N, C-alpha and C. Protein backbone atom coordinates (compact mmCIF):
# COMPACT_ATOMS: atom_id res chain seq x y z
N MET A 1 -33.34 44.08 62.55
CA MET A 1 -34.09 45.37 63.07
C MET A 1 -33.04 46.22 63.78
N GLU A 2 -32.17 45.71 64.59
CA GLU A 2 -31.24 46.52 65.36
C GLU A 2 -30.22 47.18 64.47
N CYS A 3 -29.69 46.51 63.45
CA CYS A 3 -28.70 47.13 62.57
C CYS A 3 -29.32 48.17 61.67
N ARG A 4 -30.59 48.10 61.36
CA ARG A 4 -31.25 49.01 60.47
C ARG A 4 -31.71 50.34 61.12
N SER A 5 -31.95 50.24 62.49
CA SER A 5 -32.50 51.41 63.17
C SER A 5 -31.69 52.65 63.14
N LYS A 6 -30.38 52.57 63.50
CA LYS A 6 -29.58 53.74 63.51
C LYS A 6 -29.48 54.42 62.11
N PRO A 7 -29.09 53.60 61.05
CA PRO A 7 -29.05 54.26 59.82
C PRO A 7 -30.38 54.90 59.32
N LEU A 8 -31.52 54.31 59.65
CA LEU A 8 -32.81 54.91 59.27
C LEU A 8 -32.97 56.22 60.10
N ARG A 9 -32.65 56.19 61.35
CA ARG A 9 -32.77 57.43 62.13
C ARG A 9 -31.80 58.54 61.57
N LEU A 10 -30.68 58.21 61.04
CA LEU A 10 -29.78 59.17 60.47
C LEU A 10 -30.02 59.49 59.02
N GLY A 11 -31.05 58.78 58.50
CA GLY A 11 -31.37 59.04 56.97
C GLY A 11 -30.30 58.47 56.07
N ASP A 12 -29.53 57.42 56.59
CA ASP A 12 -28.48 56.82 55.80
C ASP A 12 -29.11 55.65 55.09
N LEU A 13 -29.71 55.94 53.95
CA LEU A 13 -30.38 54.93 53.12
C LEU A 13 -29.43 53.94 52.29
N VAL A 14 -28.17 54.42 52.19
CA VAL A 14 -27.27 53.59 51.51
C VAL A 14 -26.91 52.29 52.47
N THR A 15 -26.65 52.75 53.69
CA THR A 15 -26.37 51.63 54.66
C THR A 15 -27.61 50.69 54.89
N VAL A 16 -28.81 51.31 54.92
CA VAL A 16 -30.04 50.48 55.09
C VAL A 16 -30.03 49.52 53.90
N ALA A 17 -29.86 50.01 52.68
CA ALA A 17 -29.83 49.18 51.47
C ALA A 17 -28.84 48.04 51.49
N GLN A 18 -27.61 48.36 52.06
CA GLN A 18 -26.57 47.37 52.26
C GLN A 18 -26.98 46.26 53.12
N PHE A 19 -27.67 46.57 54.30
CA PHE A 19 -28.08 45.65 55.25
C PHE A 19 -29.29 44.75 54.57
N ASP A 20 -30.11 45.49 53.82
CA ASP A 20 -31.24 44.72 53.10
C ASP A 20 -30.67 43.73 52.22
N THR A 21 -29.63 44.05 51.45
CA THR A 21 -29.06 43.15 50.47
C THR A 21 -28.36 41.92 51.17
N PHE A 22 -27.70 42.28 52.33
CA PHE A 22 -26.99 41.24 53.18
C PHE A 22 -28.06 40.27 53.68
N PHE A 23 -29.15 40.71 54.20
CA PHE A 23 -30.15 39.83 54.71
C PHE A 23 -30.98 39.09 53.75
N ALA A 24 -30.95 39.48 52.52
CA ALA A 24 -31.71 38.86 51.43
C ALA A 24 -30.76 37.71 50.80
N GLY A 25 -29.56 37.76 51.25
CA GLY A 25 -28.54 36.83 50.55
C GLY A 25 -28.88 35.28 50.94
N ILE A 26 -28.47 34.43 50.10
CA ILE A 26 -28.69 32.99 50.35
C ILE A 26 -27.82 32.43 51.56
N GLU A 27 -26.91 33.17 51.99
CA GLU A 27 -26.08 32.76 53.16
C GLU A 27 -26.94 32.88 54.52
N ILE A 28 -27.86 33.75 54.45
CA ILE A 28 -28.67 34.02 55.68
C ILE A 28 -29.80 33.17 55.74
N VAL A 29 -30.07 32.63 56.96
CA VAL A 29 -31.20 31.83 57.22
C VAL A 29 -32.09 32.55 58.19
N LEU A 30 -33.32 32.85 57.96
CA LEU A 30 -34.25 33.45 58.95
C LEU A 30 -35.10 32.34 59.49
N LEU A 31 -35.33 32.51 60.77
CA LEU A 31 -36.04 31.43 61.48
C LEU A 31 -37.06 32.01 62.40
N ASP A 32 -38.16 31.22 62.54
CA ASP A 32 -39.13 31.60 63.55
C ASP A 32 -38.64 31.43 64.92
N ILE A 33 -39.13 32.27 65.83
CA ILE A 33 -38.76 32.07 67.30
C ILE A 33 -39.68 30.93 67.86
N THR A 34 -39.01 29.81 68.16
CA THR A 34 -39.74 28.67 68.67
C THR A 34 -39.70 28.70 70.23
N ALA A 35 -40.55 27.73 70.73
CA ALA A 35 -40.57 27.56 72.23
C ALA A 35 -39.14 27.09 72.65
N ALA A 36 -38.42 26.29 71.86
CA ALA A 36 -37.18 25.87 72.27
C ALA A 36 -36.15 27.07 72.29
N VAL A 37 -36.33 27.95 71.41
CA VAL A 37 -35.45 29.18 71.34
C VAL A 37 -35.73 30.02 72.58
N ILE A 38 -36.97 30.20 72.91
CA ILE A 38 -37.32 30.96 74.11
C ILE A 38 -36.81 30.42 75.36
N GLU A 39 -36.90 29.00 75.53
CA GLU A 39 -36.35 28.39 76.61
C GLU A 39 -34.86 28.59 76.80
N ARG A 40 -34.18 28.32 75.70
CA ARG A 40 -32.72 28.57 75.59
C ARG A 40 -32.29 29.96 75.88
N ALA A 41 -33.08 30.91 75.33
CA ALA A 41 -32.82 32.38 75.60
C ALA A 41 -32.95 32.73 77.04
N THR A 42 -33.90 32.14 77.72
CA THR A 42 -34.15 32.41 79.07
C THR A 42 -32.92 31.95 79.91
N GLU A 43 -32.49 30.72 79.56
CA GLU A 43 -31.32 30.16 80.27
C GLU A 43 -30.05 31.00 79.95
N LEU A 44 -29.92 31.46 78.75
CA LEU A 44 -28.65 32.22 78.44
C LEU A 44 -28.77 33.67 79.10
N ARG A 45 -29.94 34.25 79.11
CA ARG A 45 -30.16 35.49 79.78
C ARG A 45 -29.80 35.43 81.26
N ALA A 46 -30.17 34.32 81.90
CA ALA A 46 -29.91 34.19 83.36
C ALA A 46 -28.36 33.92 83.52
N LYS A 47 -27.81 33.12 82.64
CA LYS A 47 -26.41 32.71 82.77
C LYS A 47 -25.46 33.88 82.53
N TYR A 48 -25.73 34.64 81.48
CA TYR A 48 -24.86 35.71 81.08
C TYR A 48 -25.39 37.14 81.36
N GLN A 49 -26.50 37.29 81.93
CA GLN A 49 -27.14 38.58 82.10
C GLN A 49 -27.29 39.27 80.86
N LEU A 50 -27.77 38.64 79.74
CA LEU A 50 -27.90 39.28 78.47
C LEU A 50 -29.22 40.10 78.43
N LYS A 51 -29.28 41.09 77.52
CA LYS A 51 -30.57 41.65 77.28
C LYS A 51 -31.46 40.71 76.54
N THR A 52 -32.70 40.90 76.67
CA THR A 52 -33.73 39.90 76.03
C THR A 52 -33.45 39.68 74.52
N PRO A 53 -33.33 40.85 73.69
CA PRO A 53 -33.15 40.56 72.31
C PRO A 53 -31.85 39.87 71.95
N ASP A 54 -30.80 40.22 72.75
CA ASP A 54 -29.53 39.54 72.54
C ASP A 54 -29.64 38.06 72.81
N ALA A 55 -30.31 37.70 73.97
CA ALA A 55 -30.46 36.28 74.27
C ALA A 55 -31.23 35.61 73.26
N ILE A 56 -32.22 36.23 72.68
CA ILE A 56 -33.03 35.53 71.59
C ILE A 56 -32.24 35.31 70.41
N HIS A 57 -31.46 36.30 69.95
CA HIS A 57 -30.64 36.20 68.80
C HIS A 57 -29.57 35.07 69.01
N TYR A 58 -28.92 35.06 70.09
CA TYR A 58 -27.85 34.09 70.42
C TYR A 58 -28.41 32.75 70.49
N ALA A 59 -29.51 32.59 71.26
CA ALA A 59 -30.19 31.33 71.40
C ALA A 59 -30.61 30.68 70.09
N THR A 60 -31.08 31.49 69.25
CA THR A 60 -31.50 31.08 67.90
C THR A 60 -30.26 30.38 67.17
N ALA A 61 -29.21 31.12 67.22
CA ALA A 61 -27.97 30.67 66.64
C ALA A 61 -27.43 29.33 67.19
N ALA A 62 -27.53 29.26 68.52
CA ALA A 62 -27.17 28.01 69.28
C ALA A 62 -28.06 26.93 68.93
N GLU A 63 -29.35 27.12 68.93
CA GLU A 63 -30.37 26.12 68.60
C GLU A 63 -30.23 25.40 67.30
N VAL A 64 -29.84 26.20 66.27
CA VAL A 64 -29.65 25.68 64.89
C VAL A 64 -28.29 25.16 64.64
N GLY A 65 -27.44 25.31 65.57
CA GLY A 65 -26.09 24.77 65.40
C GLY A 65 -25.14 25.70 64.55
N ALA A 66 -25.39 27.00 64.65
CA ALA A 66 -24.53 27.90 63.85
C ALA A 66 -23.07 27.71 64.35
N THR A 67 -22.20 27.94 63.35
CA THR A 67 -20.73 27.72 63.69
C THR A 67 -20.14 29.06 64.15
N VAL A 68 -20.83 30.17 63.93
CA VAL A 68 -20.27 31.47 64.33
C VAL A 68 -21.49 32.43 64.44
N PHE A 69 -21.35 33.29 65.47
CA PHE A 69 -22.37 34.36 65.72
C PHE A 69 -21.66 35.62 65.49
N LEU A 70 -22.06 36.37 64.56
CA LEU A 70 -21.46 37.75 64.23
C LEU A 70 -22.18 38.89 64.89
N THR A 71 -21.52 39.71 65.55
CA THR A 71 -22.14 40.81 66.38
C THR A 71 -21.11 41.98 66.59
N GLY A 72 -21.75 43.12 66.91
CA GLY A 72 -20.93 44.27 67.27
C GLY A 72 -20.98 44.38 68.72
N ASP A 73 -21.67 43.57 69.48
CA ASP A 73 -21.90 43.71 70.90
C ASP A 73 -20.93 42.85 71.64
N ARG A 74 -19.97 43.55 72.29
CA ARG A 74 -18.90 42.91 73.10
C ARG A 74 -19.48 42.07 74.28
N ALA A 75 -20.58 42.45 74.76
CA ALA A 75 -21.20 41.74 75.86
C ALA A 75 -21.47 40.20 75.54
N LEU A 76 -21.55 39.97 74.27
CA LEU A 76 -21.92 38.54 73.87
C LEU A 76 -20.64 37.77 73.78
N ALA A 77 -19.42 38.40 73.85
CA ALA A 77 -18.12 37.72 73.71
C ALA A 77 -17.97 36.67 74.94
N ARG A 78 -18.65 36.88 76.03
CA ARG A 78 -18.55 35.92 77.13
C ARG A 78 -19.27 34.70 76.92
N CYS A 79 -20.09 34.60 75.91
CA CYS A 79 -20.96 33.42 75.71
C CYS A 79 -20.07 32.35 74.97
N SER A 80 -20.30 31.07 75.34
CA SER A 80 -19.42 30.05 74.86
C SER A 80 -20.16 28.92 74.16
N GLU A 81 -21.48 28.96 73.98
CA GLU A 81 -22.25 27.89 73.29
C GLU A 81 -21.94 27.83 71.89
N THR A 82 -21.77 29.02 71.21
CA THR A 82 -21.44 29.16 69.72
C THR A 82 -20.40 30.24 69.73
N LEU A 83 -19.41 30.01 68.82
CA LEU A 83 -18.30 31.04 68.67
C LEU A 83 -18.85 32.30 68.36
N VAL A 84 -18.39 33.30 69.10
CA VAL A 84 -18.82 34.78 68.92
C VAL A 84 -17.76 35.55 68.17
N GLU A 85 -17.99 36.17 67.12
CA GLU A 85 -17.02 36.97 66.41
C GLU A 85 -17.47 38.35 66.56
N ILE A 86 -16.71 39.23 67.11
CA ILE A 86 -17.04 40.69 67.29
C ILE A 86 -16.63 41.44 66.05
N LEU A 87 -17.48 42.19 65.42
CA LEU A 87 -17.10 42.88 64.18
C LEU A 87 -16.82 44.28 64.50
């Protein structure tokens, strides 16, 4: 949702389509937000002063044992539960 908002606002349908293709790929796993994710997100939000959406995204990755978390948000670089790679 976050990565598609700005291109949609700018009318950049090519970038929107690129994101849609990326998220439809077999490498991407979409998960429901579980109670465990919310609990972990709450802890991460308190520990790192993350925004709620960022905490939920990062907690989901940590809960499923992701090996890397890709983001453009430098604020997440201070998190250590899962490797954060700034794009």
